[in-house]
Amino acid sequence: MNLNFIKNQTVFPIILVALVLYLTGCKQQVKPQQETGKDSTRTKAPQNDTLNAKLKIEIINKEFQSSTASDPKDYNVVTYKLTNNTAKNMKEIDADVVISDLSGNVIKKIKINELDVIAAGDSRDYKALYSCNAFSNKDMALKNMELKNIKFESTVLSITYQDGTKETFK
């Protein structure tokens, strides 16, 4: 009697059963995709239209600041225009901004915290310096991107007014 033949007949079904159990136990995980256009049926994070209407955020300038003798770092400098569209003076704002390229690839996620007063109906510029690492593809993409090719989305998280009232995104 050939023992190798018997061993192979016993081992093959065991391997086959183990393989079937493994494959049926693996579940593919699907992540929801973000909306890319008006006609898309994909999921999209809820927007905070009320607070976003009260504080308009725009990118008005982007430039590159090279290192100096006193500061050895390079910076991407982005200037935002913050417009108070309310009848009350704002004394503190908190917002998230996502800068992307025209294809929607995220370049930078930014937090804006402004503590200076923005008078009712007035605007002010907010200049932000972001360290630019020459070895970071995203930092270099922002450095080389023209202002007209920057796409950004802002979400105002909270506004504190000079009278002490506060509105928060829920």
Protein backbone atom coordinates (compact mmCIF):
# COMPACT_ATOMS: atom_id res chain seq x y z
CA MET A 1 0.00 0.00 0.00
CA ASN A 2 1.29 3.45 -0.96
CA LEU A 3 1.27 5.72 2.15
CA ASN A 4 2.05 8.93 0.21
CA PHE A 5 -1.14 8.51 -1.81
CA ILE A 6 -3.21 8.12 1.39
CA LYS A 7 -1.54 11.17 2.99
CA ASN A 8 -2.20 13.28 -0.11
CA GLN A 9 -5.86 12.20 -0.18
CA THR A 10 -6.26 13.25 3.48
CA VAL A 11 -4.31 16.51 3.30
CA PHE A 12 -5.95 17.87 0.13
CA PRO A 13 -9.53 17.96 1.52
CA ILE A 14 -8.28 19.59 4.75
CA ILE A 15 -6.47 22.30 2.79
CA LEU A 16 -9.50 22.81 0.55
CA VAL A 17 -11.87 23.19 3.55
CA ALA A 18 -9.47 25.61 5.27
CA LEU A 19 -9.18 27.71 2.10
CA VAL A 20 -12.97 27.89 1.68
CA LEU A 21 -13.45 28.87 5.34
CA TYR A 22 -10.78 31.56 5.05
CA LEU A 23 -12.27 33.06 1.89
CA THR A 24 -15.83 33.11 3.23
CA GLY A 25 -14.64 34.70 6.48
CA CYS A 26 -12.93 37.62 4.71
CA LYS A 27 -15.27 40.55 4.30
CA GLN A 28 -14.40 43.42 2.01
CA GLN A 29 -14.67 46.76 3.75
CA VAL A 30 -16.08 49.59 1.67
CA LYS A 31 -15.45 53.20 2.65
CA PRO A 32 -18.06 55.81 1.69
CA GLN A 33 -16.81 58.10 -1.05
CA GLN A 34 -17.11 61.84 -0.89
CA GLU A 35 -19.21 63.73 -3.37
CA THR A 36 -17.24 65.05 -6.32
CA GLY A 37 -19.91 66.87 -8.31
CA LYS A 38 -23.45 68.24 -8.28
CA ASP A 39 -24.96 65.17 -9.92
CA SER A 40 -23.11 62.66 -7.77
CA THR A 41 -25.07 60.26 -5.57
CA ARG A 42 -22.17 59.60 -3.23
CA THR A 43 -22.22 60.57 0.45
CA LYS A 44 -21.18 64.04 1.52
CA ALA A 45 -20.46 65.44 4.96
CA PRO A 46 -23.22 67.79 6.21
CA GLN A 47 -22.49 71.47 5.70
CA ASN A 48 -22.94 74.23 8.22
CA ASP A 49 -24.65 76.73 5.95
CA THR A 50 -25.81 79.07 8.73
CA LEU A 51 -22.41 79.77 10.29
CA ASN A 52 -20.66 79.66 6.89
CA ALA A 53 -23.03 82.41 5.69
CA LYS A 54 -22.28 84.53 8.76
CA LEU A 55 -18.51 84.31 8.24
CA LYS A 56 -17.30 84.13 4.66
CA ILE A 57 -13.77 82.79 4.18
CA GLU A 58 -11.87 83.33 0.93
CA ILE A 59 -8.28 82.75 -0.17
CA ILE A 60 -7.08 86.01 -1.67
CA ASN A 61 -3.34 85.39 -2.01
CA LYS A 62 -0.74 82.63 -1.95
CA GLU A 63 2.99 83.14 -2.05
CA PHE A 64 6.24 81.48 -1.09
CA GLN A 65 8.58 82.92 1.54
CA SER A 66 12.18 81.71 1.31
CA SER A 67 14.36 81.17 4.34
CA THR A 68 16.43 84.04 5.71
CA ALA A 69 19.48 84.30 7.91
CA SER A 70 17.23 84.85 10.93
CA ASP A 71 14.71 82.12 9.97
CA PRO A 72 16.10 79.06 8.17
CA LYS A 73 12.65 77.70 7.20
CA ASP A 74 10.75 78.13 3.94
CA TYR A 75 7.02 78.92 4.16
CA ASN A 76 3.92 78.69 2.04
CA VAL A 77 2.01 81.86 2.91
CA VAL A 78 -1.76 81.89 2.40
CA THR A 79 -3.81 85.03 2.98
CA TYR A 80 -7.49 84.58 3.79
CA LYS A 81 -10.17 87.25 3.77
CA LEU A 82 -12.61 86.84 6.67
CA THR A 83 -15.90 88.70 6.18
CA ASN A 84 -18.36 89.23 9.03
CA ASN A 85 -21.83 89.11 7.47
CA THR A 86 -23.68 89.74 10.75
CA ALA A 87 -24.86 92.80 12.65
CA LYS A 88 -22.64 91.94 15.66
CA ASN A 89 -18.90 92.27 16.21
CA MET A 90 -17.07 88.92 16.22
CA LYS A 91 -14.27 88.53 18.74
CA GLU A 92 -13.31 84.90 18.12
CA ILE A 93 -13.79 82.45 15.28
CA ASP A 94 -12.86 78.81 14.85
CA ALA A 95 -12.94 77.22 11.38
CA ASP A 96 -11.54 74.30 9.42
CA VAL A 97 -10.25 74.78 5.88
CA VAL A 98 -9.26 72.06 3.43
CA ILE A 99 -7.08 73.10 0.49
CA SER A 100 -7.22 70.81 -2.55
CA ASP A 101 -6.07 70.79 -6.14
CA LEU A 102 -8.63 71.00 -8.94
CA SER A 103 -8.93 67.19 -8.99
CA GLY A 104 -9.98 67.21 -5.33
CA ASN A 105 -6.74 65.77 -3.94
CA VAL A 106 -6.27 67.18 -0.43
CA ILE A 107 -3.11 69.27 -0.15
CA LYS A 108 -3.50 70.72 3.36
CA LYS A 109 -5.98 70.70 6.24
CA ILE A 110 -5.90 73.90 8.25
CA LYS A 111 -7.44 75.25 11.44
CA ILE A 112 -8.18 78.97 11.59
CA ASN A 113 -8.46 80.56 15.03
CA GLU A 114 -8.87 84.32 14.95
CA LEU A 115 -8.97 86.21 18.23
CA ASP A 116 -9.07 89.79 16.93
CA VAL A 117 -12.35 91.66 16.58
CA ILE A 118 -13.99 91.68 13.16
CA ALA A 119 -16.53 94.50 13.18
CA ALA A 120 -20.09 93.88 11.98
CA GLY A 121 -20.21 93.98 8.18
CA ASP A 122 -16.43 94.37 7.94
CA SER A 123 -13.58 92.21 6.63
CA ARG A 124 -10.03 91.52 7.70
CA ASP A 125 -7.12 89.62 6.23
CA TYR A 126 -5.74 86.58 8.02
CA LYS A 127 -2.20 85.66 6.95
CA ALA A 128 -1.06 82.13 7.70
CA LEU A 129 2.47 80.75 7.33
CA TYR A 130 2.81 77.00 6.74
CA SER A 131 6.25 75.47 6.97
CA CYS A 132 7.30 74.14 3.55
CA ASN A 133 9.29 70.91 3.57
CA ALA A 134 11.11 70.39 0.24
CA PHE A 135 10.72 66.62 0.69
CA SER A 136 6.93 66.74 1.17
CA ASN A 137 4.95 66.27 -2.05
CA LYS A 138 1.96 68.13 -0.59
CA ASP A 139 4.02 71.10 0.60
CA MET A 140 5.69 71.34 -2.80
CA ALA A 141 2.33 71.01 -4.58
CA LEU A 142 1.01 73.99 -2.59
CA LYS A 143 4.19 75.96 -3.31
CA ASN A 144 3.95 75.37 -7.07
CA MET A 145 0.16 75.70 -7.39
CA GLU A 146 -1.26 78.89 -8.87
CA LEU A 147 -3.94 80.69 -6.86
CA LYS A 148 -6.53 80.10 -9.59
CA ASN A 149 -5.94 76.31 -9.29
CA ILE A 150 -6.55 76.16 -5.54
CA LYS A 151 -9.85 74.68 -4.49
CA PHE A 152 -10.82 74.99 -0.85
CA GLU A 153 -13.69 74.24 1.43
CA SER A 154 -14.27 75.95 4.76
CA THR A 155 -16.44 74.98 7.70
CA VAL A 156 -17.02 77.54 10.43
CA LEU A 157 -17.13 75.62 13.72
CA SER A 158 -17.89 78.47 16.14
CA ILE A 159 -18.29 82.21 16.36
CA THR A 160 -18.03 84.15 19.62
CA TYR A 161 -19.41 87.67 19.51
CA GLN A 162 -18.19 90.68 21.46
CA ASP A 163 -21.44 90.69 23.49
CA GLY A 164 -20.50 87.23 24.87
CA THR A 165 -22.91 85.10 22.82
CA LYS A 166 -21.53 82.09 21.00
CA GLU A 167 -22.80 80.06 18.07
CA THR A 168 -21.42 76.55 17.50
CA PHE A 169 -21.71 74.06 14.67
CA LYS A 170 -23.55 71.02 15.98
